[in-house]
Amino acid sequence: MGTRVAGVWSGFVWPRSSSGLGTVTAITWWGTSDESEQNMNVANWRVVLTGHSRGLGAALARALLARGISVLGLSRQALTGVPGQQAAQLTEVALDLSDVSAVEAWLASGRLGSWLAGAEHTLLVNNAGTVAPIGAAGGLQPGTSGQVGLGPLARAIALNVTTPLVLTDAFVAATRGRADRRVAHVSSGAARNPYPGWSTYCATKAALDMHARATQLDAVPGLRVASVAPGVIDTDMQADIRAASAADFPMHARFVAMKQDGQLTAADDAAQRLVAYFLSDAFGSDPTPDIRQVSV
């Protein structure tokens, strides 16, 4: 996995291959040279974060890195604007998370287990997701009949449900025997309340909620799991919602008004609260909390 020099694994590149994984660059910080990091008790935390390059995912990545925590980011794109020392704590894998075969191929490489090896505290944050397709049943897969490949509905299910469950299973297997391993699904109020035009989004987020509830009942040793609703956050997803037509999304005017009236939570503010909860002793006591109702 590269050459270790003075507490740092040098950067390496996984070349493009027939598996479709694309080019992957990674630089990982393994040592602890900063005394404040040791005092924060974060030196032995490792966090796997999906969709880390934009929106809430980018804010979560920056909040974790600012605490001195090593992050493995899985996304199609890289996170930009990371300061030097924090960049040394970040490993990035270029991966299309809606392509389940590519995710499975990457997991089969064993790199997840290698990156998590030796960590006392481990966390998987299934953040990546999409609100698309928006609209009523019967018009969610336009133009896909007779074509090869997944349409927007199937891609949404893969990204929002299949990949999080596949990653969770691999993460739990890779951390077997650890006393503190955690899985956080980023859920939504749409998991708990139906919205017209959002049948796919509501169903897929509800699936994550039920997965957390059922997994908690499994009582896997050392494992805590929660599907956390983060509130309404000012990200590109909200911009996509406002860009949808009122015919496809009858509650369109309400979401436009929330933006105009300043009712959206800044991504950085939401990320700080979420990270504090993810790392807290309270995490996992409730399998489906709303972060707005959690004391952190």
Protein backbone atom coordinates (compact mmCIF):
# COMPACT_ATOMS: atom_id res chain seq x y z
CA MET A 1 0.00 0.00 0.00
CA GLY A 2 2.83 2.45 -0.61
CA THR A 3 5.93 3.35 1.36
CA ARG A 4 5.76 4.51 4.94
CA VAL A 5 8.06 7.45 5.66
CA ALA A 6 7.99 9.39 8.96
CA GLY A 7 4.43 8.44 9.75
CA VAL A 8 3.10 9.05 6.24
CA TRP A 9 2.17 6.61 3.52
CA SER A 10 3.33 8.05 0.23
CA GLY A 11 0.79 8.70 -2.49
CA PHE A 12 -0.02 5.92 -4.90
CA VAL A 13 -2.12 5.43 -8.00
CA TRP A 14 -4.33 2.47 -8.84
CA PRO A 15 -4.34 2.50 -12.65
CA ARG A 16 -7.47 2.35 -14.78
CA SER A 17 -8.54 -1.22 -15.36
CA SER A 18 -11.26 -3.27 -16.97
CA SER A 19 -13.09 -3.34 -13.65
CA GLY A 20 -14.25 0.23 -14.28
CA LEU A 21 -12.77 1.57 -11.04
CA GLY A 22 -11.05 4.43 -12.79
CA THR A 23 -7.89 6.14 -11.54
CA VAL A 24 -7.51 6.28 -7.79
CA THR A 25 -5.03 8.44 -5.94
CA ALA A 26 -4.53 8.16 -2.23
CA ILE A 27 -2.45 9.74 0.48
CA THR A 28 -3.11 8.56 4.00
CA TRP A 29 -1.87 9.94 7.31
CA TRP A 30 -1.08 7.12 9.71
CA GLY A 31 1.03 8.78 12.38
CA THR A 32 0.24 11.36 15.07
CA SER A 33 2.73 14.18 15.27
CA ASP A 34 0.36 16.80 16.62
CA GLU A 35 -0.04 16.88 20.40
CA SER A 36 -3.49 18.47 20.21
CA GLU A 37 -4.68 15.55 18.05
CA GLN A 38 -3.59 13.12 20.74
CA ASN A 39 -5.40 15.19 23.37
CA MET A 40 -8.58 15.04 21.25
CA ASN A 41 -8.35 11.23 21.33
CA VAL A 42 -8.90 10.98 17.59
CA ALA A 43 -5.62 9.36 16.57
CA ASN A 44 -7.15 5.91 16.36
CA TRP A 45 -10.40 6.85 14.58
CA ARG A 46 -10.91 5.98 10.92
CA VAL A 47 -14.01 7.08 9.01
CA VAL A 48 -15.27 5.82 5.65
CA LEU A 49 -17.46 8.48 4.02
CA THR A 50 -19.44 8.16 0.79
CA GLY A 51 -20.25 11.15 -1.42
CA HIS A 52 -17.53 13.19 0.28
CA SER A 53 -16.79 15.64 -2.55
CA ARG A 54 -19.84 17.93 -2.49
CA GLY A 55 -22.76 19.16 -0.41
CA LEU A 56 -23.24 17.69 3.04
CA GLY A 57 -20.61 15.03 2.30
CA ALA A 58 -17.93 17.66 1.69
CA ALA A 59 -18.93 19.47 4.88
CA LEU A 60 -18.76 16.19 6.83
CA ALA A 61 -15.32 15.43 5.37
CA ARG A 62 -13.98 18.85 6.35
CA ALA A 63 -15.45 18.61 9.86
CA LEU A 64 -13.83 15.21 10.40
CA LEU A 65 -10.48 16.27 8.94
CA ALA A 66 -10.48 19.42 11.09
CA ARG A 67 -10.70 17.16 14.15
CA GLY A 68 -7.62 15.27 13.00
CA ILE A 69 -9.56 12.16 11.96
CA SER A 70 -8.44 10.05 9.00
CA VAL A 71 -11.09 9.83 6.25
CA LEU A 72 -11.51 7.42 3.36
CA GLY A 73 -13.72 9.22 0.83
CA LEU A 74 -15.62 7.27 -1.81
CA SER A 75 -16.98 9.41 -4.64
CA ARG A 76 -16.71 10.01 -8.37
CA GLN A 77 -14.81 13.25 -7.76
CA ALA A 78 -12.12 14.49 -5.39
CA LEU A 79 -12.67 16.91 -2.52
CA THR A 80 -11.14 20.30 -3.28
CA GLY A 81 -9.71 23.03 -1.07
CA VAL A 82 -8.34 20.81 1.69
CA PRO A 83 -5.43 22.36 3.68
CA GLY A 84 -2.08 20.58 3.55
CA GLN A 85 -2.00 18.74 6.88
CA GLN A 86 -5.65 17.79 6.55
CA ALA A 87 -5.06 16.57 3.00
CA ALA A 88 -2.50 14.16 4.45
CA GLN A 89 -5.29 12.58 6.51
CA LEU A 90 -7.51 12.04 3.46
CA THR A 91 -7.61 8.97 1.22
CA GLU A 92 -9.88 9.20 -1.84
CA VAL A 93 -11.20 6.47 -4.11
CA ALA A 94 -12.78 7.41 -7.43
CA LEU A 95 -15.87 5.23 -7.53
CA ASP A 96 -19.33 5.48 -9.08
CA LEU A 97 -21.46 4.39 -6.14
CA SER A 98 -24.49 3.80 -8.38
CA ASP A 99 -22.48 1.07 -10.15
CA VAL A 100 -22.84 -1.83 -7.73
CA SER A 101 -20.56 -4.11 -9.76
CA ALA A 102 -17.75 -1.52 -9.49
CA VAL A 103 -18.35 -1.20 -5.74
CA GLU A 104 -18.22 -4.98 -5.34
CA ALA A 105 -15.03 -5.17 -7.44
CA TRP A 106 -13.36 -2.56 -5.23
CA LEU A 107 -14.44 -4.38 -2.08
CA ALA A 108 -13.09 -7.63 -3.46
CA SER A 109 -9.66 -5.99 -3.70
CA GLY A 110 -9.43 -5.99 0.12
CA ARG A 111 -8.45 -2.32 0.25
CA LEU A 112 -11.23 -1.43 2.66
CA GLY A 113 -9.97 -3.89 5.26
CA SER A 114 -6.37 -2.78 4.72
CA TRP A 115 -7.27 0.87 5.29
CA LEU A 116 -9.25 0.07 8.45
CA ALA A 117 -6.57 -2.23 9.88
CA GLY A 118 -5.34 -1.26 13.32
CA ALA A 119 -8.00 1.38 14.01
CA GLU A 120 -9.58 1.17 17.46
CA HIS A 121 -12.64 3.21 16.48
CA THR A 122 -14.21 2.87 13.04
CA LEU A 123 -17.18 4.58 11.40
CA LEU A 124 -18.95 4.17 8.05
CA VAL A 125 -21.08 7.13 6.96
CA ASN A 126 -23.42 6.27 4.08
CA ASN A 127 -24.02 9.82 2.90
CA ALA A 128 -24.18 9.58 -0.90
CA GLY A 129 -27.68 9.73 -2.32
CA THR A 130 -29.97 11.31 -4.88
CA VAL A 131 -33.48 12.74 -4.80
CA ALA A 132 -33.94 11.99 -8.50
CA PRO A 133 -36.03 10.83 -10.25
CA ILE A 134 -38.78 13.21 -9.19
CA GLY A 135 -42.30 12.59 -10.46
CA ALA A 136 -45.22 10.19 -10.37
CA ALA A 137 -45.01 6.47 -11.10
CA GLY A 138 -45.14 5.72 -14.80
CA GLY A 139 -42.73 8.46 -15.81
CA LEU A 140 -39.61 7.74 -13.76
CA GLN A 141 -37.65 5.78 -16.39
CA PRO A 142 -38.17 7.82 -19.58
CA GLY A 143 -36.51 6.52 -22.73
CA THR A 144 -34.95 3.42 -21.17
CA SER A 145 -37.10 0.76 -22.80
CA GLY A 146 -34.95 -1.59 -24.83
CA GLN A 147 -31.72 0.15 -23.81
CA VAL A 148 -28.73 -1.46 -22.11
CA GLY A 149 -27.85 -0.09 -18.67
CA LEU A 150 -29.72 1.26 -15.70
CA GLY A 151 -32.28 4.01 -15.99
CA PRO A 152 -32.65 6.79 -13.38
CA LEU A 153 -34.98 4.79 -11.12
CA ALA A 154 -32.69 1.76 -10.96
CA ARG A 155 -29.63 4.00 -10.45
CA ALA A 156 -31.33 5.76 -7.56
CA ILE A 157 -32.12 2.46 -5.85
CA ALA A 158 -28.53 1.31 -6.36
CA LEU A 159 -27.06 4.55 -4.98
CA ASN A 160 -29.53 5.11 -2.14
CA VAL A 161 -30.02 1.52 -0.93
CA THR A 162 -27.98 -1.24 -2.54
CA THR A 163 -24.53 0.32 -2.18
CA PRO A 164 -25.07 1.45 1.45
CA LEU A 165 -26.16 -2.07 2.44
CA VAL A 166 -23.29 -3.70 0.51
CA LEU A 167 -20.76 -1.32 2.09
CA THR A 168 -22.24 -1.85 5.53
CA ASP A 169 -21.91 -5.62 5.27
CA ALA A 170 -18.30 -5.32 4.05
CA PHE A 171 -17.45 -2.77 6.75
CA VAL A 172 -18.87 -4.94 9.54
CA ALA A 173 -16.98 -7.97 8.22
CA ALA A 174 -13.74 -5.98 7.95
CA THR A 175 -14.02 -4.70 11.53
CA ARG A 176 -14.96 -8.00 13.16
CA GLY A 177 -13.63 -8.15 16.72
CA ARG A 178 -13.40 -4.36 17.21
CA ALA A 179 -15.00 -2.98 20.33
CA ASP A 180 -16.26 0.21 18.67
CA ARG A 181 -17.52 0.14 15.08
CA ARG A 182 -20.34 2.35 13.90
CA VAL A 183 -22.54 2.74 10.83
CA ALA A 184 -24.40 5.98 10.16
CA HIS A 185 -26.89 6.22 7.32
CA VAL A 186 -27.80 9.77 6.30
CA SER A 187 -31.59 9.56 6.23
CA SER A 188 -34.28 12.17 5.58
CA GLY A 189 -37.62 13.36 6.83
CA ALA A 190 -38.86 11.79 3.57
CA ALA A 191 -38.12 8.39 5.11
CA ARG A 192 -40.83 9.04 7.69
CA ASN A 193 -43.32 11.22 5.81
CA PRO A 194 -44.63 10.70 2.26
CA TYR A 195 -44.19 13.45 -0.33
CA PRO A 196 -45.89 13.51 -3.73
CA GLY A 197 -43.35 13.12 -6.53
CA TRP A 198 -40.79 11.58 -4.19
CA SER A 199 -41.92 7.96 -4.15
CA THR A 200 -38.42 6.73 -5.00
CA TYR A 201 -36.63 8.99 -2.53
CA CYS A 202 -39.12 8.27 0.28
CA ALA A 203 -38.93 4.52 -0.30
CA THR A 204 -35.14 4.36 -0.48
CA LYS A 205 -34.58 6.48 2.62
CA ALA A 206 -37.20 4.48 4.50
CA ALA A 207 -35.24 1.36 3.54
CA LEU A 208 -32.17 2.74 5.33
CA ASP A 209 -34.24 3.49 8.43
CA MET A 210 -35.57 -0.06 8.52
CA HIS A 211 -32.10 -1.46 7.90
CA ALA A 212 -30.80 0.41 10.94
CA ARG A 213 -33.70 -0.76 13.10
CA ALA A 214 -33.33 -4.39 12.07
CA THR A 215 -29.53 -4.36 12.34
CA GLN A 216 -29.77 -2.97 15.85
CA LEU A 217 -31.92 -5.99 16.77
CA ASP A 218 -29.16 -8.28 15.49
CA ALA A 219 -27.01 -7.07 18.42
CA VAL A 220 -23.74 -7.59 16.53
CA PRO A 221 -20.89 -7.30 19.09
CA GLY A 222 -19.29 -3.85 19.11
CA LEU A 223 -21.59 -2.49 16.40
CA ARG A 224 -23.71 0.65 16.72
CA VAL A 225 -25.96 1.74 13.87
CA ALA A 226 -28.31 4.65 13.26
CA SER A 227 -30.12 6.20 10.31
CA VAL A 228 -29.99 9.92 11.06
CA ALA A 229 -32.26 12.57 9.56
CA PRO A 230 -30.09 15.69 9.14
CA GLY A 231 -32.77 18.33 8.64
CA VAL A 232 -33.27 20.48 5.53
CA ILE A 233 -29.82 21.54 4.39
CA ASP A 234 -28.75 24.18 1.88
CA THR A 235 -26.98 21.98 -0.69
CA ASP A 236 -27.10 21.23 -4.41
CA MET A 237 -29.82 18.67 -3.69
CA GLN A 238 -32.09 21.48 -2.54
CA ALA A 239 -31.23 23.37 -5.73
CA ASP A 240 -32.23 20.29 -7.74
CA ILE A 241 -35.54 20.16 -5.87
CA ARG A 242 -36.25 23.82 -6.63
CA ALA A 243 -35.35 23.21 -10.28
CA ALA A 244 -37.99 20.47 -10.56
CA SER A 245 -41.32 21.32 -12.11
CA ALA A 246 -44.37 21.86 -9.93
CA ALA A 247 -46.16 19.28 -12.08
CA ASP A 248 -43.64 16.61 -10.99
CA PHE A 249 -43.30 17.89 -7.42
CA PRO A 250 -46.49 19.51 -6.09
CA MET A 251 -44.72 20.81 -2.95
CA HIS A 252 -42.30 22.81 -5.09
CA ALA A 253 -43.50 26.21 -3.81
CA ARG A 254 -42.90 25.20 -0.20
CA PHE A 255 -39.24 24.36 -0.86
CA VAL A 256 -38.70 27.56 -2.84
CA ALA A 257 -40.13 29.53 0.09
CA MET A 258 -37.85 27.74 2.58
CA LYS A 259 -34.82 28.97 0.62
CA GLN A 260 -36.18 32.49 0.26
CA ASP A 261 -37.10 32.69 3.96
CA GLY A 262 -33.70 31.45 5.19
CA GLN A 263 -35.09 28.25 6.67
CA LEU A 264 -32.37 25.97 5.29
CA THR A 265 -29.51 24.88 7.54
CA ALA A 266 -25.99 25.63 6.33
CA ALA A 267 -24.15 22.44 5.39
CA ASP A 268 -21.19 23.24 7.66
CA ASP A 269 -23.50 23.76 10.66
CA ALA A 270 -25.33 20.49 10.01
CA ALA A 271 -22.03 18.65 9.57
CA GLN A 272 -20.66 19.86 12.90
CA ARG A 273 -23.74 18.59 14.73
CA LEU A 274 -23.75 15.29 12.86
CA VAL A 275 -20.06 14.59 13.47
CA ALA A 276 -20.41 15.40 17.16
CA TYR A 277 -23.28 12.91 17.36
CA PHE A 278 -21.58 10.22 15.26
CA LEU A 279 -18.59 10.25 17.65
CA SER A 280 -20.61 10.53 20.86
CA ASP A 281 -21.47 7.85 23.40
CA ALA A 282 -25.15 8.45 22.60
CA PHE A 283 -24.78 7.29 19.00
CA GLY A 284 -26.79 4.14 18.26
CA SER A 285 -29.10 4.37 21.27
CA ASP A 286 -31.89 5.43 18.89
CA PRO A 287 -31.78 3.70 15.48
CA THR A 288 -33.65 6.52 13.66
CA PRO A 289 -32.96 9.90 15.31
CA ASP A 290 -33.50 13.38 13.89
CA ILE A 291 -30.34 15.43 14.53
CA ARG A 292 -32.49 18.50 15.24
CA GLN A 293 -33.88 16.71 18.28
CA VAL A 294 -30.57 15.33 19.57
CA SER A 295 -28.49 17.08 22.24
CA VAL A 296 -24.86 17.19 21.13
